[in-house]
PDB file of N, CA and C in Angstrom:
ATOM      1  N   MET A   1     -36.171 -33.776  19.534  1.00  0.00           N
ATOM      2  CA  MET A   1     -34.728 -33.657  19.408  1.00  0.00           C
ATOM      3  C   MET A   1     -34.349 -33.893  17.940  1.00  0.00           C
ATOM      4  N   PRO A   2     -33.498 -32.972  17.352  1.00  0.00           N
ATOM      5  CA  PRO A   2     -33.151 -33.122  15.937  1.00  0.00           C
ATOM      6  C   PRO A   2     -32.245 -34.317  15.691  1.00  0.00           C
ATOM      7  N   ARG A   3     -32.390 -34.866  14.534  1.00  0.00           N
ATOM      8  CA  ARG A   3     -31.609 -36.040  14.157  1.00  0.00           C
ATOM      9  C   ARG A   3     -30.192 -35.611  13.778  1.00  0.00           C
ATOM     10  N   THR A   4     -29.184 -36.270  14.261  1.00  0.00           N
ATOM     11  CA  THR A   4     -27.799 -35.920  13.970  1.00  0.00           C
ATOM     12  C   THR A   4     -27.208 -36.948  13.024  1.00  0.00           C
ATOM     13  N   ALA A   5     -26.263 -36.474  12.204  1.00  0.00           N
ATOM     14  CA  ALA A   5     -25.612 -37.371  11.256  1.00  0.00           C
ATOM     15  C   ALA A   5     -24.544 -38.179  11.979  1.00  0.00           C
ATOM     16  N   SER A   6     -24.242 -39.322  11.431  1.00  0.00           N
ATOM     17  CA  SER A   6     -23.244 -40.175  12.062  1.00  0.00           C
ATOM     18  C   SER A   6     -21.848 -39.586  11.828  1.00  0.00           C
ATOM     19  N   LEU A   7     -20.944 -40.003  12.649  1.00  0.00           N
ATOM     20  CA  LEU A   7     -19.572 -39.519  12.582  1.00  0.00           C
ATOM     21  C   LEU A   7     -18.938 -39.838  11.232  1.00  0.00           C
ATOM     22  N   THR A   8     -19.172 -41.013  10.703  1.00  0.00           N
ATOM     23  CA  THR A   8     -18.578 -41.394   9.418  1.00  0.00           C
ATOM     24  C   THR A   8     -19.117 -40.538   8.282  1.00  0.00           C
ATOM     25  N   THR A   9     -20.401 -40.181   8.349  1.00  0.00           N
ATOM     26  CA  THR A   9     -20.988 -39.323   7.323  1.00  0.00           C
ATOM     27  C   THR A   9     -20.357 -37.929   7.368  1.00  0.00           C
ATOM     28  N   ILE A  10     -20.161 -37.403   8.562  1.00  0.00           N
ATOM     29  CA  ILE A  10     -19.558 -36.080   8.713  1.00  0.00           C
ATOM     30  C   ILE A  10     -18.109 -36.087   8.244  1.00  0.00           C
ATOM     31  N   GLU A  11     -17.360 -37.143   8.590  1.00  0.00           N
ATOM     32  CA  GLU A  11     -15.966 -37.241   8.166  1.00  0.00           C
ATOM     33  C   GLU A  11     -15.863 -37.340   6.649  1.00  0.00           C
ATOM     34  N   ALA A  12     -16.775 -38.069   6.022  1.00  0.00           N
ATOM     35  CA  ALA A  12     -16.780 -38.175   4.561  1.00  0.00           C
ATOM     36  C   ALA A  12     -17.048 -36.815   3.940  1.00  0.00           C
ATOM     37  N   LYS A  13     -17.966 -36.074   4.510  1.00  0.00           N
ATOM     38  CA  LYS A  13     -18.293 -34.731   4.022  1.00  0.00           C
ATOM     39  C   LYS A  13     -17.076 -33.807   4.152  1.00  0.00           C
ATOM     40  N   ILE A  14     -16.350 -33.916   5.271  1.00  0.00           N
ATOM     41  CA  ILE A  14     -15.154 -33.100   5.491  1.00  0.00           C
ATOM     42  C   ILE A  14     -14.100 -33.406   4.433  1.00  0.00           C
ATOM     43  N   ARG A  15     -13.869 -34.702   4.147  1.00  0.00           N
ATOM     44  CA  ARG A  15     -12.893 -35.084   3.130  1.00  0.00           C
ATOM     45  C   ARG A  15     -13.291 -34.531   1.768  1.00  0.00           C
ATOM     46  N   GLU A  16     -14.559 -34.599   1.453  1.00  0.00           N
ATOM     47  CA  GLU A  16     -15.057 -34.099   0.168  1.00  0.00           C
ATOM     48  C   GLU A  16     -14.825 -32.587   0.051  1.00  0.00           C
ATOM     49  N   LEU A  17     -15.125 -31.853   1.109  1.00  0.00           N
ATOM     50  CA  LEU A  17     -14.939 -30.395   1.088  1.00  0.00           C
ATOM     51  C   LEU A  17     -13.458 -30.017   1.035  1.00  0.00           C
ATOM     52  N   GLN A  18     -12.610 -30.788   1.716  1.00  0.00           N
ATOM     53  CA  GLN A  18     -11.179 -30.514   1.664  1.00  0.00           C
ATOM     54  C   GLN A  18     -10.630 -30.746   0.259  1.00  0.00           C
ATOM     55  N   ALA A  19     -11.128 -31.771  -0.428  1.00  0.00           N
ATOM     56  CA  ALA A  19     -10.701 -32.043  -1.797  1.00  0.00           C
ATOM     57  C   ALA A  19     -11.122 -30.898  -2.715  1.00  0.00           C
ATOM     58  N   LYS A  20     -12.328 -30.377  -2.518  1.00  0.00           N
ATOM     59  CA  LYS A  20     -12.795 -29.236  -3.313  1.00  0.00           C
ATOM     60  C   LYS A  20     -11.942 -27.999  -3.040  1.00  0.00           C
ATOM     61  N   ALA A  21     -11.571 -27.787  -1.777  1.00  0.00           N
ATOM     62  CA  ALA A  21     -10.749 -26.633  -1.411  1.00  0.00           C
ATOM     63  C   ALA A  21      -9.378 -26.716  -2.080  1.00  0.00           C
ATOM     64  N   GLU A  22      -8.781 -27.907  -2.116  1.00  0.00           N
ATOM     65  CA  GLU A  22      -7.487 -28.088  -2.772  1.00  0.00           C
ATOM     66  C   GLU A  22      -7.594 -27.830  -4.268  1.00  0.00           C
ATOM     67  N   ALA A  23      -8.683 -28.281  -4.877  1.00  0.00           N
ATOM     68  CA  ALA A  23      -8.879 -28.050  -6.308  1.00  0.00           C
ATOM     69  C   ALA A  23      -9.000 -26.560  -6.600  1.00  0.00           C
ATOM     70  N   ILE A  24      -9.677 -25.828  -5.744  1.00  0.00           N
ATOM     71  CA  ILE A  24      -9.823 -24.379  -5.930  1.00  0.00           C
ATOM     72  C   ILE A  24      -8.475 -23.683  -5.763  1.00  0.00           C
ATOM     73  N   LYS A  25      -7.665 -24.129  -4.807  1.00  0.00           N
ATOM     74  CA  LYS A  25      -6.351 -23.531  -4.596  1.00  0.00           C
ATOM     75  C   LYS A  25      -5.455 -23.721  -5.815  1.00  0.00           C
ATOM     76  N   ARG A  26      -5.555 -24.886  -6.452  1.00  0.00           N
ATOM     77  CA  ARG A  26      -4.702 -25.197  -7.595  1.00  0.00           C
ATOM     78  C   ARG A  26      -5.194 -24.580  -8.895  1.00  0.00           C
ATOM     79  N   TYR A  27      -6.421 -24.113  -8.905  1.00  0.00           N
ATOM     80  CA  TYR A  27      -7.007 -23.572 -10.125  1.00  0.00           C
ATOM     81  C   TYR A  27      -6.280 -22.300 -10.545  1.00  0.00           C
ATOM     82  N   GLU A  28      -5.928 -22.227 -11.795  1.00  0.00           N
ATOM     83  CA  GLU A  28      -5.298 -21.025 -12.335  1.00  0.00           C
ATOM     84  C   GLU A  28      -6.195 -20.441 -13.408  1.00  0.00           C
ATOM     85  N   LYS A  29      -6.175 -19.135 -13.529  1.00  0.00           N
ATOM     86  CA  LYS A  29      -6.944 -18.476 -14.573  1.00  0.00           C
ATOM     87  C   LYS A  29      -6.374 -18.873 -15.925  1.00  0.00           C
ATOM     88  N   PRO A  30      -7.203 -18.847 -16.954  1.00  0.00           N
ATOM     89  CA  PRO A  30      -6.687 -19.185 -18.290  1.00  0.00           C
ATOM     90  C   PRO A  30      -5.563 -18.222 -18.695  1.00  0.00           C
ATOM     91  N   GLY A  31      -4.481 -18.754 -19.202  1.00  0.00           N
ATOM     92  CA  GLY A  31      -3.376 -17.934 -19.670  1.00  0.00           C
ATOM     93  C   GLY A  31      -2.265 -17.737 -18.655  1.00  0.00           C
ATOM     94  N   ILE A  32      -2.509 -18.079 -17.408  1.00  0.00           N
ATOM     95  CA  ILE A  32      -1.480 -17.884 -16.382  1.00  0.00           C
ATOM     96  C   ILE A  32      -0.261 -18.751 -16.676  1.00  0.00           C
ATOM     97  N   ARG A  33      -0.494 -19.990 -17.072  1.00  0.00           N
ATOM     98  CA  ARG A  33       0.624 -20.892 -17.366  1.00  0.00           C
ATOM     99  C   ARG A  33       1.454 -20.347 -18.534  1.00  0.00           C
ATOM    100  N   GLN A  34       0.767 -19.833 -19.575  1.00  0.00           N
ATOM    101  CA  GLN A  34       1.474 -19.266 -20.725  1.00  0.00           C
ATOM    102  C   GLN A  34       2.253 -18.014 -20.320  1.00  0.00           C
ATOM    103  N   LEU A  35       1.619 -17.191 -19.472  1.00  0.00           N
ATOM    104  CA  LEU A  35       2.283 -15.967 -19.021  1.00  0.00           C
ATOM    105  C   LEU A  35       3.539 -16.303 -18.233  1.00  0.00           C
ATOM    106  N   LYS A  36       3.449 -17.286 -17.363  1.00  0.00           N
ATOM    107  CA  LYS A  36       4.626 -17.700 -16.604  1.00  0.00           C
ATOM    108  C   LYS A  36       5.735 -18.170 -17.541  1.00  0.00           C
ATOM    109  N   GLY A  37       5.353 -18.888 -18.590  1.00  0.00           N
ATOM    110  CA  GLY A  37       6.342 -19.364 -19.560  1.00  0.00           C
ATOM    111  C   GLY A  37       7.037 -18.228 -20.281  1.00  0.00           C
ATOM    112  N   VAL A  38       6.280 -17.214 -20.666  1.00  0.00           N
ATOM    113  CA  VAL A  38       6.865 -16.057 -21.359  1.00  0.00           C
ATOM    114  C   VAL A  38       7.791 -15.289 -20.420  1.00  0.00           C
ATOM    115  N   LEU A  39       7.358 -15.094 -19.184  1.00  0.00           N
ATOM    116  CA  LEU A  39       8.192 -14.384 -18.219  1.00  0.00           C
ATOM    117  C   LEU A  39       9.512 -15.105 -17.996  1.00  0.00           C
ATOM    118  N   LYS A  40       9.437 -16.432 -17.911  1.00  0.00           N
ATOM    119  CA  LYS A  40      10.644 -17.228 -17.683  1.00  0.00           C
ATOM    120  C   LYS A  40      11.540 -17.229 -18.923  1.00  0.00           C
ATOM    121  N   LYS A  41      10.923 -17.367 -20.104  1.00  0.00           N
ATOM    122  CA  LYS A  41      11.682 -17.453 -21.352  1.00  0.00           C
ATOM    123  C   LYS A  41      12.480 -16.181 -21.612  1.00  0.00           C
ATOM    124  N   TYR A  42      11.848 -15.030 -21.401  1.00  0.00           N
ATOM    125  CA  TYR A  42      12.494 -13.755 -21.694  1.00  0.00           C
ATOM    126  C   TYR A  42      13.105 -13.090 -20.460  1.00  0.00           C
ATOM    127  N   ARG A  43      13.084 -13.796 -19.334  1.00  0.00           N
ATOM    128  CA  ARG A  43      13.658 -13.302 -18.073  1.00  0.00           C
ATOM    129  C   ARG A  43      13.107 -11.926 -17.711  1.00  0.00           C
ATOM    130  N   LEU A  44      11.793 -11.812 -17.746  1.00  0.00           N
ATOM    131  CA  LEU A  44      11.135 -10.556 -17.411  1.00  0.00           C
ATOM    132  C   LEU A  44      10.867 -10.476 -15.918  1.00  0.00           C
ATOM    133  N   THR A  45      10.932  -9.266 -15.391  1.00  0.00           N
ATOM    134  CA  THR A  45      10.673  -9.049 -13.979  1.00  0.00           C
ATOM    135  C   THR A  45       9.302  -8.393 -13.812  1.00  0.00           C
ATOM    136  N   ILE A  46       8.884  -8.250 -12.582  1.00  0.00           N
ATOM    137  CA  ILE A  46       7.609  -7.584 -12.295  1.00  0.00           C
ATOM    138  C   ILE A  46       7.672  -6.133 -12.758  1.00  0.00           C
ATOM    139  N   GLY A  47       8.826  -5.508 -12.625  1.00  0.00           N
ATOM    140  CA  GLY A  47       9.004  -4.133 -13.090  1.00  0.00           C
ATOM    141  C   GLY A  47       8.781  -4.020 -14.595  1.00  0.00           C
ATOM    142  N   ASP A  48       9.250  -5.023 -15.344  1.00  0.00           N
ATOM    143  CA  ASP A  48       9.042  -5.024 -16.794  1.00  0.00           C
ATOM    144  C   ASP A  48       7.561  -5.135 -17.134  1.00  0.00           C
ATOM    145  N   VAL A  49       6.851  -5.978 -16.406  1.00  0.00           N
ATOM    146  CA  VAL A  49       5.419  -6.152 -16.643  1.00  0.00           C
ATOM    147  C   VAL A  49       4.673  -4.863 -16.306  1.00  0.00           C
ATOM    148  N   GLN A  50       5.022  -4.237 -15.190  1.00  0.00           N
ATOM    149  CA  GLN A  50       4.369  -2.985 -14.805  1.00  0.00           C
ATOM    150  C   GLN A  50       4.642  -1.897 -15.828  1.00  0.00           C
ATOM    151  N   LEU A  51       5.849  -1.849 -16.351  1.00  0.00           N
ATOM    152  CA  LEU A  51       6.191  -0.864 -17.372  1.00  0.00           C
ATOM    153  C   LEU A  51       5.373  -1.108 -18.632  1.00  0.00           C
ATOM    154  N   ALA A  52       5.209  -2.364 -19.009  1.00  0.00           N
ATOM    155  CA  ALA A  52       4.437  -2.695 -20.205  1.00  0.00           C
ATOM    156  C   ALA A  52       2.966  -2.355 -20.037  1.00  0.00           C
ATOM    157  N   LEU A  53       2.460  -2.489 -18.815  1.00  0.00           N
ATOM    158  CA  LEU A  53       1.057  -2.189 -18.554  1.00  0.00           C
ATOM    159  C   LEU A  53       0.819  -0.721 -18.242  1.00  0.00           C
ATOM    160  N   GLY A  54       1.890   0.053 -18.158  1.00  0.00           N
ATOM    161  CA  GLY A  54       1.749   1.477 -17.889  1.00  0.00           C
ATOM    162  C   GLY A  54       1.568   1.796 -16.425  1.00  0.00           C
ATOM    163  N   GLU A  55       1.907   0.881 -15.568  1.00  0.00           N
ATOM    164  CA  GLU A  55       1.791   1.092 -14.122  1.00  0.00           C
ATOM    165  C   GLU A  55       3.170   1.436 -13.579  1.00  0.00           C
ATOM    166  N   GLY A  56       3.324   2.634 -13.080  1.00  0.00           N
ATOM    167  CA  GLY A  56       4.597   3.034 -12.488  1.00  0.00           C
ATOM    168  C   GLY A  56       5.692   3.041 -13.518  1.00  0.00           C
ATOM    169  N   GLY A  57       6.906   3.099 -13.096  1.00  0.00           N
ATOM    170  CA  GLY A  57       8.033   3.078 -14.001  1.00  0.00           C
ATOM    171  C   GLY A  57       8.227   4.399 -14.719  1.00  0.00           C
ATOM    172  N   ALA A  58       7.138   5.066 -15.104  1.00  0.00           N
ATOM    173  CA  ALA A  58       7.231   6.311 -15.834  1.00  0.00           C
ATOM    174  C   ALA A  58       7.431   7.492 -14.894  1.00  0.00           C
ATOM    175  N   ARG A  59       7.179   7.277 -13.617  1.00  0.00           N
ATOM    176  CA  ARG A  59       7.332   8.361 -12.652  1.00  0.00           C
ATOM    177  C   ARG A  59       8.797   8.638 -12.383  1.00  0.00           C
ATOM    178  N   ARG A  60       9.076   9.893 -12.176  1.00  0.00           N
ATOM    179  CA  ARG A  60      10.426  10.262 -11.768  1.00  0.00           C
ATOM    180  C   ARG A  60      10.404  10.647 -10.310  1.00  0.00           C
ATOM    181  N   ALA A  61      11.474  10.357  -9.644  1.00  0.00           N
ATOM    182  CA  ALA A  61      11.578  10.757  -8.245  1.00  0.00           C
ATOM    183  C   ALA A  61      11.831  12.256  -8.189  1.00  0.00           C
ATOM    184  N   SER A  62      11.315  12.881  -7.164  1.00  0.00           N
ATOM    185  CA  SER A  62      11.521  14.305  -6.972  1.00  0.00           C
ATOM    186  C   SER A  62      12.995  14.579  -6.714  1.00  0.00           C
ATOM    187  N   LYS A  63      13.474  15.729  -7.192  1.00  0.00           N
ATOM    188  CA  LYS A  63      14.860  16.094  -6.944  1.00  0.00           C
ATOM    189  C   LYS A  63      15.105  16.361  -5.467  1.00  0.00           C
ATOM    190  N   LEU A  64      14.039  16.709  -4.740  1.00  0.00           N
ATOM    191  CA  LEU A  64      14.173  17.042  -3.332  1.00  0.00           C
ATOM    192  C   LEU A  64      14.022  15.834  -2.412  1.00  0.00           C
ATOM    193  N   LYS A  65      13.681  14.686  -2.975  1.00  0.00           N
ATOM    194  CA  LYS A  65      13.434  13.521  -2.137  1.00  0.00           C
ATOM    195  C   LYS A  65      14.680  13.146  -1.353  1.00  0.00           C
ATOM    196  N   GLY A  66      14.503  13.043  -0.041  1.00  0.00           N
ATOM    197  CA  GLY A  66      15.585  12.647   0.830  1.00  0.00           C
ATOM    198  C   GLY A  66      16.514  13.769   1.242  1.00  0.00           C
ATOM    199  N   LYS A  67      16.302  14.981   0.722  1.00  0.00           N
ATOM    200  CA  LYS A  67      17.160  16.104   1.075  1.00  0.00           C
ATOM    201  C   LYS A  67      16.514  16.931   2.175  1.00  0.00           C
ATOM    202  N   LYS A  68      17.325  17.431   3.053  1.00  0.00           N
ATOM    203  CA  LYS A  68      16.865  18.268   4.158  1.00  0.00           C
ATOM    204  C   LYS A  68      16.667  19.685   3.641  1.00  0.00           C
ATOM    205  N   LEU A  69      15.509  20.262   3.939  1.00  0.00           N
ATOM    206  CA  LEU A  69      15.216  21.631   3.523  1.00  0.00           C
ATOM    207  C   LEU A  69      15.314  22.576   4.707  1.00  0.00           C
ATOM    208  N   LYS A  70      15.563  23.830   4.411  1.00  0.00           N
ATOM    209  CA  LYS A  70      15.574  24.838   5.463  1.00  0.00           C
ATOM    210  C   LYS A  70      14.157  25.064   5.949  1.00  0.00           C
ATOM    211  N   ALA A  71      14.028  25.414   7.205  1.00  0.00           N
ATOM    212  CA  ALA A  71      12.710  25.665   7.785  1.00  0.00           C
ATOM    213  C   ALA A  71      12.124  26.942   7.196  1.00  0.00           C
ATOM    214  N   LYS A  72      10.844  26.885   6.850  1.00  0.00           N
ATOM    215  CA  LYS A  72      10.140  28.066   6.344  1.00  0.00           C
ATOM    216  C   LYS A  72       9.250  28.671   7.418  1.00  0.00           C
ATOM    217  N   TYR A  73       8.841  27.841   8.369  1.00  0.00           N
ATOM    218  CA  TYR A  73       7.919  28.294   9.411  1.00  0.00           C
ATOM    219  C   TYR A  73       8.444  27.847  10.769  1.00  0.00           C
ATOM    220  N   ARG A  74       8.260  28.706  11.789  1.00  0.00           N
ATOM    221  CA  ARG A  74       8.754  28.416  13.122  1.00  0.00           C
ATOM    222  C   ARG A  74       7.666  28.745  14.137  1.00  0.00           C
ATOM    223  N   ASN A  75       7.580  27.911  15.167  1.00  0.00           N
ATOM    224  CA  ASN A  75       6.632  28.129  16.250  1.00  0.00           C
ATOM    225  C   ASN A  75       7.176  29.243  17.145  1.00  0.00           C
ATOM    226  N   PRO A  76       6.460  30.371  17.288  1.00  0.00           N
ATOM    227  CA  PRO A  76       6.986  31.476  18.089  1.00  0.00           C
ATOM    228  C   PRO A  76       7.113  31.136  19.578  1.00  0.00           C
ATOM    229  N   SER A  77       6.298  30.227  20.091  1.00  0.00           N
ATOM    230  CA  SER A  77       6.377  29.892  21.515  1.00  0.00           C
ATOM    231  C   SER A  77       7.465  28.854  21.806  1.00  0.00           C
ATOM    232  N   ASP A  78       7.855  28.058  20.802  1.00  0.00           N
ATOM    233  CA  ASP A  78       8.914  27.062  20.963  1.00  0.00           C
ATOM    234  C   ASP A  78       9.764  27.088  19.700  1.00  0.00           C
ATOM    235  N   LYS A  79      10.905  27.759  19.755  1.00  0.00           N
ATOM    236  CA  LYS A  79      11.752  27.986  18.568  1.00  0.00           C
ATOM    237  C   LYS A  79      12.321  26.692  17.979  1.00  0.00           C
ATOM    238  N   SER A  80      12.304  25.614  18.727  1.00  0.00           N
ATOM    239  CA  SER A  80      12.840  24.356  18.208  1.00  0.00           C
ATOM    240  C   SER A  80      11.867  23.667  17.254  1.00  0.00           C
ATOM    241  N   GLN A  81      10.601  24.080  17.273  1.00  0.00           N
ATOM    242  CA  GLN A  81       9.601  23.474  16.392  1.00  0.00           C
ATOM    243  C   GLN A  81       9.534  24.259  15.096  1.00  0.00           C
ATOM    244  N   THR A  82       9.915  23.582  14.002  1.00  0.00           N
ATOM    245  CA  THR A  82       9.909  24.219  12.684  1.00  0.00           C
ATOM    246  C   THR A  82       9.206  23.314  11.686  1.00  0.00           C
ATOM    247  N   TRP A  83       8.899  23.898  10.526  1.00  0.00           N
ATOM    248  CA  TRP A  83       8.275  23.148   9.433  1.00  0.00           C
ATOM    249  C   TRP A  83       8.801  23.695   8.126  1.00  0.00           C
ATOM    250  N   ALA A  84       9.200  22.816   7.206  1.00  0.00           N
ATOM    251  CA  ALA A  84       9.775  23.225   5.932  1.00  0.00           C
ATOM    252  C   ALA A  84       8.718  23.454   4.864  1.00  0.00           C
ATOM    253  N   GLY A  85       7.458  23.178   5.170  1.00  0.00           N
ATOM    254  CA  GLY A  85       6.406  23.385   4.181  1.00  0.00           C
ATOM    255  C   GLY A  85       6.071  22.140   3.386  1.00  0.00           C
ATOM    256  N   ARG A  86       6.720  21.018   3.698  1.00  0.00           N
ATOM    257  CA  ARG A  86       6.416  19.762   3.010  1.00  0.00           C
ATOM    258  C   ARG A  86       5.716  18.817   3.963  1.00  0.00           C
ATOM    259  N   GLY A  87       4.881  17.960   3.405  1.00  0.00           N
ATOM    260  CA  GLY A  87       4.180  16.976   4.224  1.00  0.00           C
ATOM    261  C   GLY A  87       3.017  17.611   4.975  1.00  0.00           C
ATOM    262  N   ILE A  88       2.488  16.866   5.928  1.00  0.00           N
ATOM    263  CA  ILE A  88       1.342  17.381   6.664  1.00  0.00           C
ATOM    264  C   ILE A  88       1.799  18.466   7.630  1.00  0.00           C
ATOM    265  N   ARG A  89       0.903  19.364   7.922  1.00  0.00           N
ATOM    266  CA  ARG A  89       1.230  20.460   8.825  1.00  0.00           C
ATOM    267  C   ARG A  89       1.350  19.932  10.251  1.00  0.00           C
ATOM    268  N   PRO A  90       2.318  20.476  11.006  1.00  0.00           N
ATOM    269  CA  PRO A  90       2.458  20.027  12.392  1.00  0.00           C
ATOM    270  C   PRO A  90       1.280  20.491  13.239  1.00  0.00           C
ATOM    271  N   ARG A  91       1.080  19.820  14.347  1.00  0.00           N
ATOM    272  CA  ARG A  91      -0.070  20.108  15.213  1.00  0.00           C
ATOM    273  C   ARG A  91      -0.064  21.541  15.732  1.00  0.00           C
ATOM    274  N   TRP A  92       1.118  22.046  16.104  1.00  0.00           N
ATOM    275  CA  TRP A  92       1.172  23.398  16.637  1.00  0.00           C
ATOM    276  C   TRP A  92       0.732  24.416  15.594  1.00  0.00           C
ATOM    277  N   LEU A  93       1.041  24.168  14.321  1.00  0.00           N
ATOM    278  CA  LEU A  93       0.654  25.084  13.255  1.00  0.00           C
ATOM    279  C   LEU A  93      -0.842  24.992  12.967  1.00  0.00           C
ATOM    280  N   VAL A  94      -1.357  23.791  12.940  1.00  0.00           N
ATOM    281  CA  VAL A  94      -2.788  23.601  12.693  1.00  0.00           C
ATOM    282  C   VAL A  94      -3.609  24.263  13.794  1.00  0.00           C
ATOM    283  N   ALA A  95      -3.174  24.084  15.040  1.00  0.00           N
ATOM    284  CA  ALA A  95      -3.897  24.689  16.160  1.00  0.00           C
ATOM    285  C   ALA A  95      -3.868  26.206  16.071  1.00  0.00           C
ATOM    286  N   ALA A  96      -2.725  26.768  15.705  1.00  0.00           N
ATOM    287  CA  ALA A  96      -2.616  28.221  15.609  1.00  0.00           C
ATOM    288  C   ALA A  96      -3.461  28.757  14.451  1.00  0.00           C
ATOM    289  N   LEU A  97      -3.495  28.039  13.341  1.00  0.00           N
ATOM    290  CA  LEU A  97      -4.307  28.474  12.199  1.00  0.00           C
ATOM    291  C   LEU A  97      -5.789  28.427  12.538  1.00  0.00           C
ATOM    292  N   LYS A  98      -6.193  27.423  13.313  1.00  0.00           N
ATOM    293  CA  LYS A  98      -7.591  27.350  13.747  1.00  0.00           C
ATOM    294  C   LYS A  98      -7.915  28.480  14.718  1.00  0.00           C
ATOM    295  N   GLY A  99      -6.892  28.951  15.429  1.00  0.00           N
ATOM    296  CA  GLY A  99      -7.059  30.036  16.379  1.00  0.00           C
ATOM    297  C   GLY A  99      -7.180  31.399  15.717  1.00  0.00           C
ATOM    298  N   GLY A 100      -7.024  31.466  14.414  1.00  0.00           N
ATOM    299  CA  GLY A 100      -7.214  32.717  13.698  1.00  0.00           C
ATOM    300  C   GLY A 100      -5.949  33.329  13.131  1.00  0.00           C
ATOM    301  N   LYS A 101      -4.787  32.737  13.369  1.00  0.00           N
ATOM    302  CA  LYS A 101      -3.558  33.291  12.842  1.00  0.00           C
ATOM    303  C   LYS A 101      -3.403  32.899  11.377  1.00  0.00           C
ATOM    304  N   LYS A 102      -2.508  33.589  10.676  1.00  0.00           N
ATOM    305  CA  LYS A 102      -2.245  33.318   9.270  1.00  0.00           C
ATOM    306  C   LYS A 102      -0.913  32.587   9.143  1.00  0.00           C
ATOM    307  N   LEU A 103      -0.754  31.856   8.062  1.00  0.00           N
ATOM    308  CA  LEU A 103       0.473  31.100   7.827  1.00  0.00           C
ATOM    309  C   LEU A 103       1.675  32.037   7.743  1.00  0.00           C
ATOM    310  N   GLU A 104       1.484  33.225   7.196  1.00  0.00           N
ATOM    311  CA  GLU A 104       2.580  34.185   7.052  1.00  0.00           C
ATOM    312  C   GLU A 104       3.114  34.649   8.402  1.00  0.00           C
ATOM    313  N   ASP A 105       2.308  34.534   9.453  1.00  0.00           N
ATOM    314  CA  ASP A 105       2.746  34.949  10.796  1.00  0.00           C
ATOM    315  C   ASP A 105       3.881  34.064  11.313  1.00  0.00           C
ATOM    316  N   PHE A 106       4.043  32.883  10.763  1.00  0.00           N
ATOM    317  CA  PHE A 106       5.034  31.935  11.240  1.00  0.00           C
ATOM    318  C   PHE A 106       6.251  31.844  10.315  1.00  0.00           C
ATOM    319  N   ALA A 107       6.296  32.651   9.273  1.00  0.00           N
ATOM    320  CA  ALA A 107       7.411  32.604   8.318  1.00  0.00           C
ATOM    321  C   ALA A 107       8.723  32.950   9.004  1.00  0.00           C
ATOM    322  N   VAL A 108       9.787  32.258   8.605  1.00  0.00           N
ATOM    323  CA  VAL A 108      11.098  32.491   9.195  1.00  0.00           C
ATOM    324  C   VAL A 108      11.730  33.694   8.523  1.00  0.00           C
TER     325      VAL A 108
END
């Protein structure tokens, strides 16, 4: 039968590991404290940081974003199913294209 450690030894080990875990949680990379100070001093936002790093900010939104477009393609078997040509193709169109039809066959 294997030898087991006493309860007090195990509890001491648990306390030691918990202290190490807390130290790791509190650890900051070098420069983080300075960066926080600069952000606070100049009232910079995350958007400002992303712009400075070249992440996002430079993109423009599409002129068509959020606008409803006229349907370009219609399902001949169900006239209520249409597709404007944006986004992923609807299932009925994908199935018909796999069946050998052409995209032009569904043009409105």
